[in-house]
Every structure is written in structure tokens, then in C-alpha cells.
N, C-alpha and C. Protein backbone atom coordinates (compact mmCIF):
# COMPACT_ATOMS: atom_id res chain seq x y z
N MET A 1 0.80 -1.21 0.00
CA MET A 1 -0.01 0.00 -0.03
C MET A 1 0.87 1.25 0.01
N ASP A 2 1.97 1.19 0.67
CA ASP A 2 2.88 2.36 0.65
C ASP A 2 3.35 2.66 -0.77
N ASN A 3 3.61 1.64 -1.58
CA ASN A 3 4.00 1.88 -2.98
C ASN A 3 2.88 2.55 -3.75
N ASP A 4 1.65 2.22 -3.52
CA ASP A 4 0.52 2.80 -4.21
C ASP A 4 0.42 4.29 -3.81
N ILE A 5 0.55 4.58 -2.54
CA ILE A 5 0.46 5.94 -2.05
C ILE A 5 1.61 6.74 -2.62
N ALA A 6 2.77 6.23 -2.61
CA ALA A 6 3.98 6.89 -3.16
C ALA A 6 3.79 7.16 -4.63
N TYR A 7 3.22 6.17 -5.38
CA TYR A 7 2.98 6.35 -6.77
C TYR A 7 1.95 7.48 -7.05
N ILE A 8 0.87 7.48 -6.27
CA ILE A 8 -0.18 8.48 -6.41
C ILE A 8 0.41 9.86 -6.13
N ILE A 9 1.23 9.98 -5.05
CA ILE A 9 1.83 11.28 -4.74
C ILE A 9 2.78 11.70 -5.86
N GLU A 10 3.59 10.78 -6.31
CA GLU A 10 4.53 11.11 -7.41
C GLU A 10 3.78 11.49 -8.67
N GLU A 11 2.70 10.78 -9.02
CA GLU A 11 1.92 11.06 -10.17
C GLU A 11 1.26 12.44 -10.04
N GLU A 12 0.78 12.78 -8.81
CA GLU A 12 0.16 14.06 -8.57
C GLU A 12 1.17 15.21 -8.82
N ARG A 13 2.40 15.01 -8.31
CA ARG A 13 3.48 16.02 -8.50
C ARG A 13 3.78 16.17 -9.99
N ARG A 14 3.89 15.06 -10.68
CA ARG A 14 4.20 15.05 -12.08
C ARG A 14 3.06 15.83 -12.87
N LEU A 15 1.83 15.52 -12.56
CA LEU A 15 0.70 16.20 -13.25
C LEU A 15 0.68 17.68 -12.85
N ALA A 16 0.97 18.04 -11.61
CA ALA A 16 0.98 19.44 -11.21
C ALA A 16 2.04 20.16 -11.97
N LEU A 17 3.21 19.57 -12.08
CA LEU A 17 4.30 20.20 -12.84
C LEU A 17 3.90 20.32 -14.32
N LEU A 18 3.27 19.30 -14.88
CA LEU A 18 2.85 19.36 -16.25
C LEU A 18 1.80 20.45 -16.45
N LEU A 19 0.93 20.63 -15.50
CA LEU A 19 -0.07 21.62 -15.55
C LEU A 19 0.54 23.02 -15.48
N ASP A 20 1.52 23.22 -14.60
CA ASP A 20 2.25 24.50 -14.53
C ASP A 20 2.93 24.81 -15.83
N GLU A 21 3.57 23.82 -16.42
CA GLU A 21 4.23 24.02 -17.73
C GLU A 21 3.25 24.41 -18.81
N ALA A 22 2.06 23.76 -18.81
CA ALA A 22 1.04 24.10 -19.77
C ALA A 22 0.53 25.50 -19.58
N LYS A 23 0.35 25.90 -18.31
CA LYS A 23 -0.10 27.29 -17.99
C LYS A 23 0.91 28.31 -18.50
N THR A 24 2.20 28.05 -18.25
CA THR A 24 3.25 28.91 -18.67
C THR A 24 3.33 29.01 -20.16
N ALA A 25 3.19 27.88 -20.88
CA ALA A 25 3.22 27.87 -22.29
C ALA A 25 2.02 28.66 -22.84
N ALA A 26 0.85 28.48 -22.25
CA ALA A 26 -0.35 29.17 -22.72
C ALA A 26 -0.20 30.69 -22.52
N LEU A 27 0.33 31.11 -21.36
CA LEU A 27 0.58 32.56 -21.12
C LEU A 27 1.58 33.12 -22.12
N GLU A 28 2.65 32.36 -22.41
CA GLU A 28 3.62 32.85 -23.38
C GLU A 28 2.98 32.97 -24.75
N LYS A 29 2.13 32.02 -25.12
CA LYS A 29 1.44 32.04 -26.39
C LYS A 29 0.49 33.22 -26.47
N ILE A 30 -0.23 33.54 -25.41
CA ILE A 30 -1.12 34.68 -25.38
C ILE A 30 -0.35 35.97 -25.50
N GLU A 31 0.79 36.05 -24.79
CA GLU A 31 1.63 37.27 -24.84
C GLU A 31 2.20 37.49 -26.23
N LYS A 32 2.65 36.38 -26.87
CA LYS A 32 3.17 36.46 -28.25
C LYS A 32 2.06 36.94 -29.20
N HIS A 33 0.87 36.39 -29.05
CA HIS A 33 -0.27 36.84 -29.87
C HIS A 33 -0.52 38.29 -29.67
N ARG A 34 -0.56 38.75 -28.45
CA ARG A 34 -0.77 40.21 -28.17
C ARG A 34 0.29 41.07 -28.82
N HIS A 35 1.53 40.63 -28.71
CA HIS A 35 2.65 41.39 -29.28
C HIS A 35 2.54 41.45 -30.82
N ASP A 36 2.21 40.25 -31.41
CA ASP A 36 2.04 40.23 -32.87
C ASP A 36 0.87 41.09 -33.29
N ALA A 37 -0.20 41.09 -32.55
CA ALA A 37 -1.37 41.89 -32.89
C ALA A 37 -1.03 43.37 -32.77
N ALA A 38 -0.23 43.77 -31.78
CA ALA A 38 0.16 45.15 -31.60
C ALA A 38 1.05 45.59 -32.79
N LEU A 39 1.95 44.74 -33.19
CA LEU A 39 2.81 45.04 -34.35
C LEU A 39 2.00 45.19 -35.64
N LEU A 40 1.04 44.35 -35.81
CA LEU A 40 0.21 44.37 -36.99
C LEU A 40 -0.64 45.66 -36.98
N LYS A 41 -1.17 46.02 -35.82
CA LYS A 41 -1.93 47.27 -35.70
C LYS A 41 -1.09 48.49 -36.04
N GLN A 42 0.16 48.49 -35.48
CA GLN A 42 1.08 49.61 -35.77
C GLN A 42 1.42 49.68 -37.24
N ALA A 43 1.66 48.56 -37.89
CA ALA A 43 1.99 48.57 -39.29
C ALA A 43 0.83 49.05 -40.10
N GLU A 44 -0.41 48.61 -39.72
CA GLU A 44 -1.64 49.09 -40.45
C GLU A 44 -1.81 50.60 -40.27
N LEU A 45 -1.57 51.10 -39.11
CA LEU A 45 -1.69 52.53 -38.84
C LEU A 45 -0.66 53.28 -39.69
N GLU A 46 0.57 52.79 -39.75
CA GLU A 46 1.57 53.47 -40.57
C GLU A 46 1.25 53.46 -42.04
N ARG A 47 0.72 52.32 -42.50
CA ARG A 47 0.30 52.21 -43.90
C ARG A 47 -0.81 53.20 -44.24
N THR A 48 -1.79 53.26 -43.32
CA THR A 48 -2.94 54.14 -43.52
C THR A 48 -2.46 55.62 -43.50
N THR A 49 -1.56 55.92 -42.58
CA THR A 49 -1.04 57.28 -42.52
C THR A 49 -0.28 57.64 -43.79
N ALA A 50 0.52 56.75 -44.31
CA ALA A 50 1.25 57.00 -45.54
C ALA A 50 0.34 57.19 -46.68
N GLU A 51 -0.72 56.35 -46.79
CA GLU A 51 -1.68 56.51 -47.87
C GLU A 51 -2.40 57.86 -47.78
N TYR A 52 -2.77 58.27 -46.58
CA TYR A 52 -3.48 59.53 -46.39
C TYR A 52 -2.54 60.71 -46.78
N LYS A 53 -1.30 60.62 -46.46
CA LYS A 53 -0.35 61.68 -46.85
C LYS A 53 -0.24 61.77 -48.36
N ILE A 54 -0.16 60.62 -49.05
CA ILE A 54 -0.07 60.58 -50.48
C ILE A 54 -1.37 61.20 -51.07
N MET A 55 -2.47 60.80 -50.54
CA MET A 55 -3.77 61.34 -51.06
C MET A 55 -3.83 62.82 -50.86
N THR A 56 -3.38 63.29 -49.67
CA THR A 56 -3.41 64.75 -49.42
C THR A 56 -2.51 65.54 -50.32
N VAL A 57 -1.31 65.05 -50.54
CA VAL A 57 -0.37 65.66 -51.46
C VAL A 57 -0.94 65.74 -52.87
N THR A 58 -1.52 64.60 -53.27
CA THR A 58 -2.09 64.57 -54.65
C THR A 58 -3.26 65.54 -54.76
N GLU A 59 -4.13 65.55 -53.75
CA GLU A 59 -5.28 66.45 -53.78
C GLU A 59 -4.82 67.92 -53.78
N LEU A 60 -3.83 68.21 -52.97
CA LEU A 60 -3.30 69.62 -52.97
C LEU A 60 -2.70 70.00 -54.29
N ALA A 61 -2.00 69.08 -54.94
CA ALA A 61 -1.43 69.34 -56.20
C ALA A 61 -2.52 69.60 -57.28
N GLU A 62 -3.58 68.82 -57.20
CA GLU A 62 -4.68 69.03 -58.15
C GLU A 62 -5.40 70.41 -57.95
N ILE A 63 -5.55 70.78 -56.65
CA ILE A 63 -6.15 72.05 -56.36
C ILE A 63 -5.27 73.20 -56.83
N ARG A 64 -3.95 73.05 -56.57
CA ARG A 64 -3.00 74.05 -57.01
C ARG A 64 -2.97 74.21 -58.51
N LYS A 65 -3.04 73.07 -59.21
CA LYS A 65 -3.06 73.08 -60.66
C LYS A 65 -4.33 73.81 -61.21
N ALA A 66 -5.43 73.48 -60.61
CA ALA A 66 -6.72 74.11 -61.01
C ALA A 66 -6.70 75.62 -60.76
N ALA A 67 -6.13 76.00 -59.63
CA ALA A 67 -6.03 77.42 -59.28
C ALA A 67 -5.11 78.12 -60.28
N ASP A 68 -3.98 77.52 -60.60
CA ASP A 68 -3.04 78.10 -61.54
C ASP A 68 -3.67 78.26 -62.89
N ASN A 69 -4.44 77.22 -63.32
CA ASN A 69 -5.14 77.29 -64.61
C ASN A 69 -6.19 78.44 -64.63
N GLU A 70 -6.87 78.58 -63.51
CA GLU A 70 -7.89 79.61 -63.39
C GLU A 70 -7.22 81.01 -63.44
N ILE A 71 -6.14 81.17 -62.74
CA ILE A 71 -5.41 82.45 -62.72
C ILE A 71 -4.93 82.73 -64.14
N GLU A 72 -4.39 81.77 -64.83
CA GLU A 72 -3.88 81.98 -66.19
C GLU A 72 -4.99 82.37 -67.09
N GLU A 73 -6.17 81.75 -67.00
CA GLU A 73 -7.34 82.13 -67.77
C GLU A 73 -7.77 83.54 -67.51
N LEU A 74 -7.81 83.95 -66.20
CA LEU A 74 -8.17 85.31 -65.86
C LEU A 74 -7.16 86.29 -66.42
N ARG A 75 -5.88 85.98 -66.43
CA ARG A 75 -4.84 86.86 -67.00
C ARG A 75 -5.08 87.04 -68.52
N ARG A 76 -5.37 85.91 -69.18
CA ARG A 76 -5.63 86.00 -70.59
C ARG A 76 -6.88 86.90 -70.88
N ARG A 77 -7.89 86.74 -70.09
CA ARG A 77 -9.10 87.51 -70.23
C ARG A 77 -8.82 88.99 -70.01
N GLN A 78 -8.06 89.24 -68.96
CA GLN A 78 -7.73 90.62 -68.64
C GLN A 78 -6.86 91.27 -69.75
N ASP A 79 -5.87 90.48 -70.24
CA ASP A 79 -5.06 91.00 -71.34
C ASP A 79 -5.94 91.26 -72.57
N SER A 80 -6.88 90.39 -72.85
CA SER A 80 -7.73 90.60 -74.07
C SER A 80 -8.65 91.79 -73.84
N LEU A 81 -9.08 92.01 -72.59
CA LEU A 81 -9.92 93.19 -72.36
C LEU A 81 -9.10 94.47 -72.42
N ASN A 82 -7.88 94.40 -71.92
CA ASN A 82 -7.02 95.58 -71.99
C ASN A 82 -6.63 95.93 -73.39
N GLY A 83 -6.52 94.92 -74.25
CA GLY A 83 -6.13 95.15 -75.60
C GLY A 83 -7.31 95.51 -76.52
N ASP A 84 -8.53 95.45 -76.03
CA ASP A 84 -9.72 95.73 -76.85
C ASP A 84 -9.95 97.23 -76.88
N LEU A 85 -9.53 97.85 -77.98
CA LEU A 85 -9.59 99.33 -78.14
C LEU A 85 -11.06 99.81 -78.16
N GLU A 86 -11.93 99.03 -78.77
CA GLU A 86 -13.32 99.46 -78.90
C GLU A 86 -13.94 99.55 -77.48
N LEU A 87 -13.66 98.52 -76.70
CA LEU A 87 -14.17 98.49 -75.28
C LEU A 87 -13.58 99.66 -74.51
N ARG A 88 -12.27 99.92 -74.69
CA ARG A 88 -11.59 101.02 -73.98
C ARG A 88 -12.22 102.35 -74.35
N GLU A 89 -12.52 102.53 -75.61
CA GLU A 89 -13.13 103.77 -76.07
C GLU A 89 -14.54 103.91 -75.49
N LYS A 90 -15.29 102.82 -75.40
CA LYS A 90 -16.66 102.89 -74.82
C LYS A 90 -16.56 103.31 -73.33
N ILE A 91 -15.62 102.63 -72.66
CA ILE A 91 -15.46 102.95 -71.22
C ILE A 91 -15.06 104.40 -71.04
N THR A 92 -14.11 104.86 -71.82
CA THR A 92 -13.61 106.25 -71.76
C THR A 92 -14.74 107.19 -72.03
N GLY A 93 -15.53 106.89 -73.07
CA GLY A 93 -16.65 107.78 -73.44
C GLY A 93 -17.65 107.80 -72.30
N ARG A 94 -17.94 106.68 -71.70
CA ARG A 94 -18.90 106.66 -70.58
C ARG A 94 -18.36 107.44 -69.43
N ILE A 95 -17.14 107.28 -69.12
CA ILE A 95 -16.52 108.06 -67.99
C ILE A 95 -16.61 109.56 -68.26
N VAL A 96 -16.28 109.96 -69.49
CA VAL A 96 -16.41 111.39 -69.83
C VAL A 96 -17.85 111.86 -69.75
N SER A 97 -18.79 111.03 -70.15
CA SER A 97 -20.21 111.40 -70.07
C SER A 97 -20.65 111.58 -68.65
N LEU A 98 -20.17 110.72 -67.76
CA LEU A 98 -20.53 110.79 -66.34
C LEU A 98 -19.95 112.04 -65.73
N ILE A 99 -18.71 112.38 -66.09
CA ILE A 99 -18.09 113.57 -65.61
C ILE A 99 -18.81 114.82 -66.05
N LEU A 100 -19.18 114.85 -67.29
CA LEU A 100 -19.89 116.02 -67.82
C LEU A 100 -21.27 116.14 -67.24
N GLU A 101 -21.91 115.00 -66.96
CA GLU A 101 -23.29 115.08 -66.35
C GLU A 101 -23.21 115.62 -64.90
N ASP A 102 -22.10 115.35 -64.20
CA ASP A 102 -21.98 115.82 -62.79
C ASP A 102 -21.75 117.33 -62.79
N ARG A 103 -21.33 118.00 -63.83
CA ARG A 103 -21.03 119.43 -63.81
C ARG A 103 -22.28 120.20 -63.78
């Protein structure tokens, strides 16, 4: 009977040690998974940030190009209006008429 009791005690110790090792392995696996998930989350954030910066730069370049085109069109219109002698004469005549009416 002493051998049976000794065997049971020894088996209980062995199983307790095995259980502790399993717990430790499980905790290590959980911690590794957390670490990997944090790295993945950080990489995704960096990728999203980089994409947003690229989109922002692209959008700003398009806005700048559209504004430059509009400014150039306005310059051309202004130059054409400044060069239009008939329009200039009409404006000058109207200004002279307004001045003479005020007298």
C-alpha cells in the first residue's frame, strides 16, 4: 500500500508540474499573440497614414493646378480686355459722359 500511495503522490506532482508548464506555455502564447497583434496594428496605422499623406499631397497638387489654370485664364481675359480698343473707347466715353453730367 505504501507503494501505491507513493505512486499516487509522485503522479500528482508530475501532473501538477505538467499543468504548470502548460499554463506557462499558454501565457507565453497569449503574450506572443498580443505582441504580434500590436505590431500588426502599428503597421496598419503606418500604412494608412502613408496613404493619407499621399492622397493629401495629390489632392493639394490638383487644387494648386486648377487654381493656376484659373489664374492663367483670368490673366488672358484681362489681357484681351485691356487690348480691346473698342471697349476701352466705350469705357472712356462713358466716364467722360458721367463727368460732364456731374457738372
